Amino acid sequence: MNTLVEAAAQVFSREGLAATTNRIAERAGMSIGTLYQYFPDKLSLLHAVAERHVRDADRRLTEVFAQLRDDAGPFDATMRTLLETIVGLHSERPRLHALLHRMAPQTAGQLEQLRVFEDRIADEVAFHLKRCDRGGDDVEGTARMLVHTIDAQVHRVMTRHGFDVEALVLTVDRLAPPPR
């Protein structure tokens, strides 16, 4: 099944929604019948690719969160490391990530999984905002704003126009300026 999900990621990355199950099966070196034993259609494959991406991102970000807490560095360095990690998770296959953002998730369970993941990221950003005396009177609100603004930039803007960590750093500075 991992072979099918990776083949789907490659074909969706190249062809977008024009990808077909026949091309995905061919890329995986399997018959179309074998593909249909695991996935009823190409959208279910796209959802499997999205679920894998969230799992991989969660695993990588968990490692980075632990490192950042251990380091307890300045806010700017902490956020740069986090932003570089996020860009790294998306820059290899930008077309695929733009498609995943628009098409998946669709079930209540997938939406809840994504909400929990986003809340975890926002909680971690809020921790560092508090630690570094940033974020104003509503640190949690500032953290959520940062997470969702960066998410939109990464998935809707940068996947089409190129990834720019410096632009994300500027966004952070605008939304969570240093104390005066």
N, C-alpha and C. Protein backbone atom coordinates (compact mmCIF):
# COMPACT_ATOMS: atom_id res chain seq x y z
N MET A 1 0.82 -1.19 0.00
CA MET A 1 0.00 0.00 0.00
C MET A 1 0.87 1.26 0.00
N ASN A 2 2.01 1.24 0.71
CA ASN A 2 2.90 2.41 0.72
C ASN A 2 3.38 2.75 -0.68
N THR A 3 3.60 1.70 -1.49
CA THR A 3 4.03 1.92 -2.87
C THR A 3 2.97 2.68 -3.65
N LEU A 4 1.70 2.32 -3.44
CA LEU A 4 0.60 3.01 -4.13
C LEU A 4 0.49 4.47 -3.67
N VAL A 5 0.63 4.70 -2.39
CA VAL A 5 0.51 6.07 -1.87
C VAL A 5 1.65 6.92 -2.41
N GLU A 6 2.87 6.39 -2.44
CA GLU A 6 3.99 7.16 -2.99
C GLU A 6 3.81 7.39 -4.48
N ALA A 7 3.37 6.37 -5.21
CA ALA A 7 3.12 6.54 -6.64
C ALA A 7 2.04 7.61 -6.87
N ALA A 8 1.01 7.58 -6.05
CA ALA A 8 -0.05 8.59 -6.16
C ALA A 8 0.51 9.99 -5.89
N ALA A 9 1.36 10.12 -4.88
CA ALA A 9 1.97 11.42 -4.57
C ALA A 9 2.77 11.92 -5.77
N GLN A 10 3.53 11.04 -6.39
CA GLN A 10 4.34 11.43 -7.55
C GLN A 10 3.47 11.87 -8.73
N VAL A 11 2.43 11.09 -9.02
CA VAL A 11 1.58 11.40 -10.16
C VAL A 11 0.73 12.65 -9.89
N PHE A 12 0.16 12.77 -8.71
CA PHE A 12 -0.60 13.98 -8.37
C PHE A 12 0.31 15.21 -8.40
N SER A 13 1.54 15.05 -7.97
CA SER A 13 2.49 16.17 -7.97
C SER A 13 2.75 16.65 -9.40
N ARG A 14 2.83 15.74 -10.32
CA ARG A 14 3.09 16.06 -11.73
C ARG A 14 1.84 16.53 -12.46
N GLU A 15 0.71 15.86 -12.21
CA GLU A 15 -0.47 16.05 -13.06
C GLU A 15 -1.65 16.73 -12.36
N GLY A 16 -1.57 16.91 -11.06
CA GLY A 16 -2.71 17.47 -10.36
C GLY A 16 -3.90 16.53 -10.42
N LEU A 17 -5.10 17.10 -10.44
CA LEU A 17 -6.31 16.26 -10.48
C LEU A 17 -6.52 15.56 -11.82
N ALA A 18 -5.73 15.90 -12.82
CA ALA A 18 -5.81 15.18 -14.10
C ALA A 18 -5.23 13.77 -13.98
N ALA A 19 -4.56 13.49 -12.87
CA ALA A 19 -4.00 12.15 -12.63
C ALA A 19 -5.12 11.12 -12.71
N THR A 20 -4.79 9.95 -13.20
CA THR A 20 -5.77 8.86 -13.27
C THR A 20 -5.27 7.68 -12.46
N THR A 21 -6.20 6.84 -12.06
CA THR A 21 -5.82 5.63 -11.32
C THR A 21 -4.98 4.73 -12.20
N ASN A 22 -5.22 4.73 -13.51
CA ASN A 22 -4.40 3.91 -14.42
C ASN A 22 -2.94 4.36 -14.38
N ARG A 23 -2.70 5.67 -14.41
CA ARG A 23 -1.31 6.16 -14.37
C ARG A 23 -0.67 5.91 -13.01
N ILE A 24 -1.47 6.00 -11.97
CA ILE A 24 -0.94 5.73 -10.62
C ILE A 24 -0.57 4.26 -10.50
N ALA A 25 -1.44 3.38 -10.94
CA ALA A 25 -1.14 1.94 -10.89
C ALA A 25 0.11 1.63 -11.72
N GLU A 26 0.18 2.21 -12.90
CA GLU A 26 1.36 2.00 -13.76
C GLU A 26 2.63 2.47 -13.06
N ARG A 27 2.58 3.65 -12.44
CA ARG A 27 3.74 4.20 -11.73
C ARG A 27 4.15 3.29 -10.57
N ALA A 28 3.16 2.68 -9.91
CA ALA A 28 3.42 1.79 -8.78
C ALA A 28 3.87 0.41 -9.24
N GLY A 29 3.77 0.15 -10.54
CA GLY A 29 4.13 -1.17 -11.05
C GLY A 29 3.11 -2.23 -10.69
N MET A 30 1.84 -1.83 -10.62
CA MET A 30 0.76 -2.72 -10.24
C MET A 30 -0.35 -2.67 -11.28
N SER A 31 -1.21 -3.66 -11.23
CA SER A 31 -2.37 -3.62 -12.11
C SER A 31 -3.42 -2.69 -11.52
N ILE A 32 -4.31 -2.23 -12.36
CA ILE A 32 -5.39 -1.37 -11.89
C ILE A 32 -6.28 -2.14 -10.90
N GLY A 33 -6.43 -3.44 -11.11
CA GLY A 33 -7.22 -4.27 -10.21
C GLY A 33 -6.62 -4.30 -8.80
N THR A 34 -5.31 -4.39 -8.73
CA THR A 34 -4.64 -4.37 -7.43
C THR A 34 -4.86 -3.02 -6.75
N LEU A 35 -4.74 -1.93 -7.51
CA LEU A 35 -4.99 -0.60 -6.94
C LEU A 35 -6.39 -0.55 -6.34
N TYR A 36 -7.39 -1.05 -7.09
CA TYR A 36 -8.78 -0.97 -6.62
C TYR A 36 -9.06 -1.89 -5.44
N GLN A 37 -8.18 -2.86 -5.16
CA GLN A 37 -8.33 -3.66 -3.95
C GLN A 37 -8.09 -2.81 -2.70
N TYR A 38 -7.26 -1.79 -2.85
CA TYR A 38 -6.91 -0.94 -1.71
C TYR A 38 -7.64 0.40 -1.69
N PHE A 39 -7.90 0.95 -2.88
CA PHE A 39 -8.49 2.28 -2.99
C PHE A 39 -9.60 2.27 -4.03
N PRO A 40 -10.80 2.73 -3.68
CA PRO A 40 -11.92 2.68 -4.62
C PRO A 40 -11.82 3.71 -5.75
N ASP A 41 -11.06 4.79 -5.54
CA ASP A 41 -10.97 5.84 -6.57
C ASP A 41 -9.76 6.73 -6.30
N LYS A 42 -9.52 7.66 -7.20
CA LYS A 42 -8.33 8.50 -7.04
C LYS A 42 -8.44 9.46 -5.86
N LEU A 43 -9.64 9.88 -5.49
CA LEU A 43 -9.78 10.77 -4.35
C LEU A 43 -9.41 10.06 -3.05
N SER A 44 -9.72 8.77 -2.94
CA SER A 44 -9.30 8.04 -1.74
C SER A 44 -7.78 7.94 -1.69
N LEU A 45 -7.16 7.84 -2.84
CA LEU A 45 -5.69 7.87 -2.89
C LEU A 45 -5.17 9.24 -2.46
N LEU A 46 -5.80 10.29 -2.92
CA LEU A 46 -5.39 11.64 -2.54
C LEU A 46 -5.53 11.82 -1.03
N HIS A 47 -6.58 11.28 -0.45
CA HIS A 47 -6.76 11.37 1.00
C HIS A 47 -5.67 10.58 1.73
N ALA A 48 -5.28 9.44 1.19
CA ALA A 48 -4.19 8.66 1.80
C ALA A 48 -2.88 9.43 1.74
N VAL A 49 -2.64 10.14 0.64
CA VAL A 49 -1.44 10.98 0.52
C VAL A 49 -1.49 12.09 1.56
N ALA A 50 -2.66 12.70 1.73
CA ALA A 50 -2.81 13.77 2.73
C ALA A 50 -2.58 13.26 4.14
N GLU A 51 -3.14 12.10 4.46
CA GLU A 51 -2.95 11.53 5.79
C GLU A 51 -1.48 11.23 6.05
N ARG A 52 -0.79 10.72 5.04
CA ARG A 52 0.65 10.45 5.18
C ARG A 52 1.41 11.75 5.42
N HIS A 53 1.05 12.80 4.68
CA HIS A 53 1.72 14.09 4.85
C HIS A 53 1.54 14.62 6.27
N VAL A 54 0.32 14.55 6.79
CA VAL A 54 0.07 15.04 8.15
C VAL A 54 0.85 14.21 9.16
N ARG A 55 0.88 12.89 8.99
CA ARG A 55 1.65 12.03 9.90
C ARG A 55 3.14 12.38 9.86
N ASP A 56 3.68 12.52 8.64
CA ASP A 56 5.11 12.85 8.50
C ASP A 56 5.41 14.23 9.08
N ALA A 57 4.54 15.19 8.80
CA ALA A 57 4.73 16.55 9.33
C ALA A 57 4.65 16.54 10.85
N ASP A 58 3.70 15.81 11.40
CA ASP A 58 3.55 15.73 12.84
C ASP A 58 4.81 15.13 13.48
N ARG A 59 5.32 14.07 12.89
CA ARG A 59 6.53 13.43 13.42
C ARG A 59 7.71 14.40 13.38
N ARG A 60 7.91 15.07 12.25
CA ARG A 60 9.03 15.99 12.11
C ARG A 60 8.89 17.19 13.04
N LEU A 61 7.69 17.76 13.10
CA LEU A 61 7.48 18.92 13.97
C LEU A 61 7.62 18.56 15.45
N THR A 62 7.23 17.35 15.83
CA THR A 62 7.41 16.91 17.20
C THR A 62 8.89 16.91 17.57
N GLU A 63 9.73 16.44 16.65
CA GLU A 63 11.18 16.46 16.88
C GLU A 63 11.68 17.90 17.02
N VAL A 64 11.23 18.78 16.15
CA VAL A 64 11.67 20.17 16.18
C VAL A 64 11.17 20.87 17.44
N PHE A 65 9.93 20.61 17.83
CA PHE A 65 9.39 21.21 19.06
C PHE A 65 10.26 20.83 20.27
N ALA A 66 10.62 19.57 20.36
CA ALA A 66 11.46 19.12 21.49
C ALA A 66 12.81 19.82 21.46
N GLN A 67 13.40 19.92 20.28
CA GLN A 67 14.69 20.59 20.15
C GLN A 67 14.58 22.06 20.55
N LEU A 68 13.54 22.73 20.10
CA LEU A 68 13.37 24.16 20.39
C LEU A 68 13.15 24.40 21.89
N ARG A 69 12.43 23.50 22.53
CA ARG A 69 12.23 23.66 23.98
C ARG A 69 13.54 23.43 24.72
N ASP A 70 14.32 22.45 24.28
CA ASP A 70 15.62 22.20 24.92
C ASP A 70 16.57 23.38 24.73
N ASP A 71 16.58 23.92 23.51
CA ASP A 71 17.48 25.04 23.21
C ASP A 71 17.06 26.32 23.93
N ALA A 72 15.75 26.56 24.02
CA ALA A 72 15.21 27.78 24.64
C ALA A 72 15.92 29.03 24.13
N GLY A 73 16.13 29.09 22.81
CA GLY A 73 16.82 30.21 22.20
C GLY A 73 15.92 31.43 22.06
N PRO A 74 16.48 32.49 21.50
CA PRO A 74 15.68 33.70 21.29
C PRO A 74 14.51 33.41 20.35
N PHE A 75 13.47 34.20 20.49
CA PHE A 75 12.24 33.99 19.72
C PHE A 75 12.51 33.98 18.21
N ASP A 76 13.29 34.93 17.72
CA ASP A 76 13.55 35.01 16.28
C ASP A 76 14.20 33.73 15.75
N ALA A 77 15.18 33.21 16.47
CA ALA A 77 15.85 31.97 16.05
C ALA A 77 14.90 30.78 16.14
N THR A 78 14.09 30.75 17.19
CA THR A 78 13.11 29.67 17.36
C THR A 78 12.13 29.66 16.20
N MET A 79 11.57 30.82 15.88
CA MET A 79 10.59 30.88 14.79
C MET A 79 11.23 30.59 13.44
N ARG A 80 12.45 31.05 13.22
CA ARG A 80 13.13 30.76 11.96
C ARG A 80 13.30 29.25 11.78
N THR A 81 13.71 28.56 12.83
CA THR A 81 13.85 27.10 12.75
C THR A 81 12.52 26.45 12.43
N LEU A 82 11.47 26.89 13.11
CA LEU A 82 10.14 26.33 12.86
C LEU A 82 9.68 26.61 11.43
N LEU A 83 9.87 27.83 10.96
CA LEU A 83 9.46 28.21 9.60
C LEU A 83 10.27 27.46 8.55
N GLU A 84 11.55 27.30 8.77
CA GLU A 84 12.38 26.54 7.82
C GLU A 84 11.93 25.09 7.75
N THR A 85 11.53 24.54 8.88
CA THR A 85 11.02 23.17 8.90
C THR A 85 9.72 23.07 8.12
N ILE A 86 8.83 24.01 8.33
CA ILE A 86 7.54 23.99 7.63
C ILE A 86 7.75 24.14 6.12
N VAL A 87 8.61 25.04 5.72
CA VAL A 87 8.90 25.21 4.29
C VAL A 87 9.52 23.93 3.75
N GLY A 88 10.43 23.33 4.50
CA GLY A 88 11.05 22.08 4.06
C GLY A 88 10.05 20.96 3.84
N LEU A 89 9.00 20.94 4.65
CA LEU A 89 7.97 19.91 4.50
C LEU A 89 7.13 20.10 3.24
N HIS A 90 7.16 21.29 2.64
CA HIS A 90 6.28 21.59 1.52
C HIS A 90 7.00 21.91 0.21
N SER A 91 8.25 22.26 0.26
CA SER A 91 8.91 22.78 -0.94
C SER A 91 9.28 21.71 -1.95
N GLU A 92 9.36 20.46 -1.54
CA GLU A 92 9.76 19.41 -2.48
C GLU A 92 8.69 19.16 -3.55
N ARG A 93 7.44 19.19 -3.17
CA ARG A 93 6.32 18.92 -4.09
C ARG A 93 5.25 19.99 -3.94
N PRO A 94 5.54 21.21 -4.35
CA PRO A 94 4.59 22.31 -4.09
C PRO A 94 3.22 22.10 -4.74
N ARG A 95 3.20 21.60 -5.95
CA ARG A 95 1.91 21.40 -6.62
C ARG A 95 1.04 20.40 -5.86
N LEU A 96 1.67 19.35 -5.37
CA LEU A 96 0.94 18.35 -4.60
C LEU A 96 0.38 18.96 -3.32
N HIS A 97 1.18 19.76 -2.62
CA HIS A 97 0.72 20.34 -1.36
C HIS A 97 -0.40 21.35 -1.58
N ALA A 98 -0.35 22.08 -2.65
CA ALA A 98 -1.45 22.99 -2.97
C ALA A 98 -2.74 22.18 -3.21
N LEU A 99 -2.62 21.08 -3.93
CA LEU A 99 -3.77 20.22 -4.21
C LEU A 99 -4.30 19.60 -2.92
N LEU A 100 -3.41 19.11 -2.08
CA LEU A 100 -3.84 18.51 -0.81
C LEU A 100 -4.59 19.52 0.04
N HIS A 101 -4.10 20.73 0.06
CA HIS A 101 -4.73 21.77 0.87
C HIS A 101 -6.15 22.07 0.40
N ARG A 102 -6.36 22.03 -0.90
CA ARG A 102 -7.68 22.35 -1.46
C ARG A 102 -8.65 21.17 -1.44
N MET A 103 -8.14 19.94 -1.57
CA MET A 103 -9.01 18.78 -1.76
C MET A 103 -9.22 17.94 -0.50
N ALA A 104 -8.32 17.96 0.40
CA ALA A 104 -8.42 17.10 1.57
C ALA A 104 -8.29 17.97 2.81
N PRO A 105 -8.87 17.65 3.88
CA PRO A 105 -9.68 16.50 4.22
C PRO A 105 -11.16 16.73 3.90
N GLN A 106 -11.92 15.65 3.89
CA GLN A 106 -13.33 15.78 3.59
C GLN A 106 -14.24 15.12 4.61
N THR A 107 -13.71 14.21 5.41
CA THR A 107 -14.57 13.57 6.42
C THR A 107 -14.44 14.32 7.75
N ALA A 108 -15.41 14.11 8.60
CA ALA A 108 -15.39 14.75 9.92
C ALA A 108 -14.16 14.32 10.71
N GLY A 109 -13.80 13.04 10.60
CA GLY A 109 -12.62 12.53 11.31
C GLY A 109 -11.34 13.18 10.80
N GLN A 110 -11.23 13.35 9.49
CA GLN A 110 -10.04 13.99 8.92
C GLN A 110 -9.97 15.46 9.31
N LEU A 111 -11.10 16.14 9.32
CA LEU A 111 -11.13 17.54 9.75
C LEU A 111 -10.73 17.68 11.21
N GLU A 112 -11.20 16.76 12.04
CA GLU A 112 -10.84 16.79 13.45
C GLU A 112 -9.35 16.52 13.64
N GLN A 113 -8.82 15.55 12.91
CA GLN A 113 -7.38 15.24 12.99
C GLN A 113 -6.56 16.48 12.61
N LEU A 114 -6.95 17.17 11.58
CA LEU A 114 -6.24 18.36 11.15
C LEU A 114 -6.38 19.49 12.18
N ARG A 115 -7.56 19.64 12.75
CA ARG A 115 -7.77 20.67 13.78
C ARG A 115 -6.87 20.41 14.98
N VAL A 116 -6.79 19.16 15.42
CA VAL A 116 -5.95 18.80 16.56
C VAL A 116 -4.48 19.09 16.24
N PHE A 117 -4.06 18.77 15.03
CA PHE A 117 -2.68 19.03 14.59
C PHE A 117 -2.40 20.53 14.60
N GLU A 118 -3.30 21.32 14.03
CA GLU A 118 -3.11 22.78 13.99
C GLU A 118 -3.11 23.37 15.40
N ASP A 119 -3.98 22.86 16.27
CA ASP A 119 -4.02 23.34 17.66
C ASP A 119 -2.71 23.02 18.38
N ARG A 120 -2.15 21.87 18.10
CA ARG A 120 -0.87 21.50 18.72
C ARG A 120 0.24 22.44 18.29
N ILE A 121 0.25 22.79 17.01
CA ILE A 121 1.24 23.75 16.52
C ILE A 121 1.01 25.11 17.18
N ALA A 122 -0.24 25.55 17.24
CA ALA A 122 -0.55 26.84 17.87
C ALA A 122 -0.16 26.84 19.34
N ASP A 123 -0.38 25.74 20.05
CA ASP A 123 0.02 25.66 21.46
C ASP A 123 1.53 25.80 21.60
N GLU A 124 2.26 25.18 20.70
CA GLU A 124 3.72 25.27 20.75
C GLU A 124 4.20 26.69 20.45
N VAL A 125 3.60 27.32 19.46
CA VAL A 125 3.95 28.71 19.15
C VAL A 125 3.60 29.60 20.34
N ALA A 126 2.45 29.37 20.96
CA ALA A 126 2.06 30.16 22.13
C ALA A 126 3.06 29.99 23.28
N PHE A 127 3.55 28.78 23.46
CA PHE A 127 4.56 28.53 24.50
C PHE A 127 5.78 29.44 24.28
N HIS A 128 6.25 29.51 23.04
CA HIS A 128 7.44 30.31 22.75
C HIS A 128 7.13 31.81 22.78
N LEU A 129 5.92 32.19 22.38
CA LEU A 129 5.53 33.59 22.52
C LEU A 129 5.57 34.01 23.99
N LYS A 130 4.99 33.19 24.85
CA LYS A 130 4.99 33.50 26.28
C LYS A 130 6.41 33.51 26.83
N ARG A 131 7.19 32.49 26.47
CA ARG A 131 8.55 32.37 26.96
C ARG A 131 9.39 33.59 26.63
N CYS A 132 9.11 34.18 25.47
CA CYS A 132 9.91 35.31 24.99
C CYS A 132 9.20 36.65 25.13
N ASP A 133 8.11 36.67 25.89
CA ASP A 133 7.34 37.89 26.13
C ASP A 133 6.90 38.57 24.83
N ARG A 134 6.32 37.76 23.94
CA ARG A 134 5.78 38.26 22.67
C ARG A 134 4.31 37.88 22.59
N GLY A 135 3.59 38.50 21.69
CA GLY A 135 2.22 38.09 21.42
C GLY A 135 1.16 38.93 22.08
N GLY A 136 1.54 39.91 22.87
CA GLY A 136 0.55 40.82 23.43
C GLY A 136 -0.30 40.22 24.53
N ASP A 137 -1.50 40.78 24.68
CA ASP A 137 -2.41 40.38 25.76
C ASP A 137 -3.09 39.04 25.49
N ASP A 138 -3.22 38.66 24.23
CA ASP A 138 -3.88 37.40 23.87
C ASP A 138 -2.89 36.51 23.13
N VAL A 139 -2.00 35.90 23.88
CA VAL A 139 -0.94 35.09 23.28
C VAL A 139 -1.51 33.93 22.49
N GLU A 140 -2.52 33.26 23.03
CA GLU A 140 -3.10 32.11 22.32
C GLU A 140 -3.75 32.56 21.00
N GLY A 141 -4.44 33.69 21.03
CA GLY A 141 -5.04 34.23 19.81
C GLY A 141 -3.98 34.61 18.79
N THR A 142 -2.90 35.22 19.26
CA THR A 142 -1.79 35.57 18.37
C THR A 142 -1.18 34.31 17.76
N ALA A 143 -1.01 33.29 18.57
CA ALA A 143 -0.44 32.03 18.07
C ALA A 143 -1.33 31.41 17.00
N ARG A 144 -2.64 31.39 17.24
CA ARG A 144 -3.57 30.83 16.22
C ARG A 144 -3.51 31.65 14.94
N MET A 145 -3.47 32.98 15.09
CA MET A 145 -3.39 33.86 13.91
C MET A 145 -2.10 33.56 13.13
N LEU A 146 -1.00 33.42 13.83
CA LEU A 146 0.27 33.11 13.15
C LEU A 146 0.19 31.78 12.41
N VAL A 147 -0.30 30.76 13.09
CA VAL A 147 -0.36 29.42 12.48
C VAL A 147 -1.22 29.43 11.23
N HIS A 148 -2.39 30.04 11.30
CA HIS A 148 -3.30 30.02 10.15
C HIS A 148 -2.83 30.95 9.03
N THR A 149 -2.21 32.05 9.38
CA THR A 149 -1.68 32.96 8.35
C THR A 149 -0.52 32.29 7.61
N ILE A 150 0.37 31.68 8.36
CA ILE A 150 1.51 30.99 7.73
C ILE A 150 1.02 29.81 6.90
N ASP A 151 0.03 29.09 7.42
CA ASP A 151 -0.55 27.97 6.67
C ASP A 151 -1.08 28.45 5.31
N ALA A 152 -1.81 29.56 5.32
CA ALA A 152 -2.35 30.09 4.06
C ALA A 152 -1.23 30.53 3.12
N GLN A 153 -0.21 31.17 3.67
CA GLN A 153 0.90 31.60 2.81
C GLN A 153 1.61 30.40 2.20
N VAL A 154 1.87 29.39 3.01
CA VAL A 154 2.60 28.22 2.52
C VAL A 154 1.78 27.46 1.49
N HIS A 155 0.49 27.22 1.77
CA HIS A 155 -0.32 26.38 0.90
C HIS A 155 -0.95 27.10 -0.28
N ARG A 156 -1.25 28.37 -0.14
CA ARG A 156 -1.97 29.06 -1.20
C ARG A 156 -1.11 30.03 -1.99
N VAL A 157 -0.09 30.57 -1.40
CA VAL A 157 0.74 31.56 -2.10
C VAL A 157 2.06 30.94 -2.52
N MET A 158 2.79 30.42 -1.57
CA MET A 158 4.15 29.97 -1.86
C MET A 158 4.21 28.71 -2.72
N THR A 159 3.18 27.86 -2.66
CA THR A 159 3.19 26.69 -3.53
C THR A 159 3.10 27.09 -5.01
N ARG A 160 2.60 28.30 -5.26
CA ARG A 160 2.49 28.79 -6.64
C ARG A 160 3.60 29.76 -7.02
N HIS A 161 4.14 30.49 -6.04
CA HIS A 161 5.06 31.57 -6.35
C HIS A 161 6.45 31.39 -5.75
N GLY A 162 6.71 30.27 -5.13
CA GLY A 162 8.03 30.01 -4.56
C GLY A 162 8.05 30.24 -3.06
N PHE A 163 8.86 29.46 -2.39
CA PHE A 163 8.94 29.51 -0.93
C PHE A 163 9.97 30.53 -0.50
N ASP A 164 9.59 31.32 0.50
CA ASP A 164 10.43 32.41 0.97
C ASP A 164 10.32 32.49 2.49
N VAL A 165 11.30 31.93 3.17
CA VAL A 165 11.29 31.94 4.63
C VAL A 165 11.32 33.37 5.15
N GLU A 166 12.02 34.27 4.46
CA GLU A 166 12.11 35.66 4.93
C GLU A 166 10.73 36.33 4.94
N ALA A 167 9.90 36.02 3.96
CA ALA A 167 8.54 36.58 3.95
C ALA A 167 7.74 36.08 5.15
N LEU A 168 7.95 34.82 5.51
CA LEU A 168 7.27 34.28 6.68
C LEU A 168 7.78 34.92 7.97
N VAL A 169 9.09 35.15 8.03
CA VAL A 169 9.67 35.82 9.20
C VAL A 169 9.06 37.21 9.36
N LEU A 170 8.91 37.93 8.26
CA LEU A 170 8.29 39.26 8.32
C LEU A 170 6.85 39.18 8.81
N THR A 171 6.13 38.15 8.39
CA THR A 171 4.76 37.95 8.85
C THR A 171 4.72 37.78 10.36
N VAL A 172 5.63 36.96 10.87
CA VAL A 172 5.71 36.75 12.31
C VAL A 172 6.00 38.06 13.03
N ASP A 173 6.94 38.83 12.50
CA ASP A 173 7.29 40.11 13.14
C ASP A 173 6.13 41.09 13.14
N ARG A 174 5.30 41.05 12.08
CA ARG A 174 4.15 41.95 12.02
C ARG A 174 3.07 41.54 13.02
N LEU A 175 2.83 40.23 13.11
CA LEU A 175 1.76 39.76 13.97
C LEU A 175 2.16 39.60 15.44
N ALA A 176 3.45 39.43 15.67
CA ALA A 176 3.94 39.28 17.06
C ALA A 176 5.21 40.10 17.23
N PRO A 177 5.06 41.43 17.19
CA PRO A 177 6.26 42.28 17.27
C PRO A 177 6.95 42.15 18.62
N PRO A 178 8.25 42.44 18.62
CA PRO A 178 8.98 42.39 19.91
C PRO A 178 8.41 43.44 20.88
N PRO A 179 8.54 43.16 22.16
CA PRO A 179 8.05 44.16 23.13
C PRO A 179 8.83 45.45 23.01
N ARG A 180 8.18 46.55 23.32
CA ARG A 180 8.84 47.86 23.21
C ARG A 180 9.53 48.22 24.47
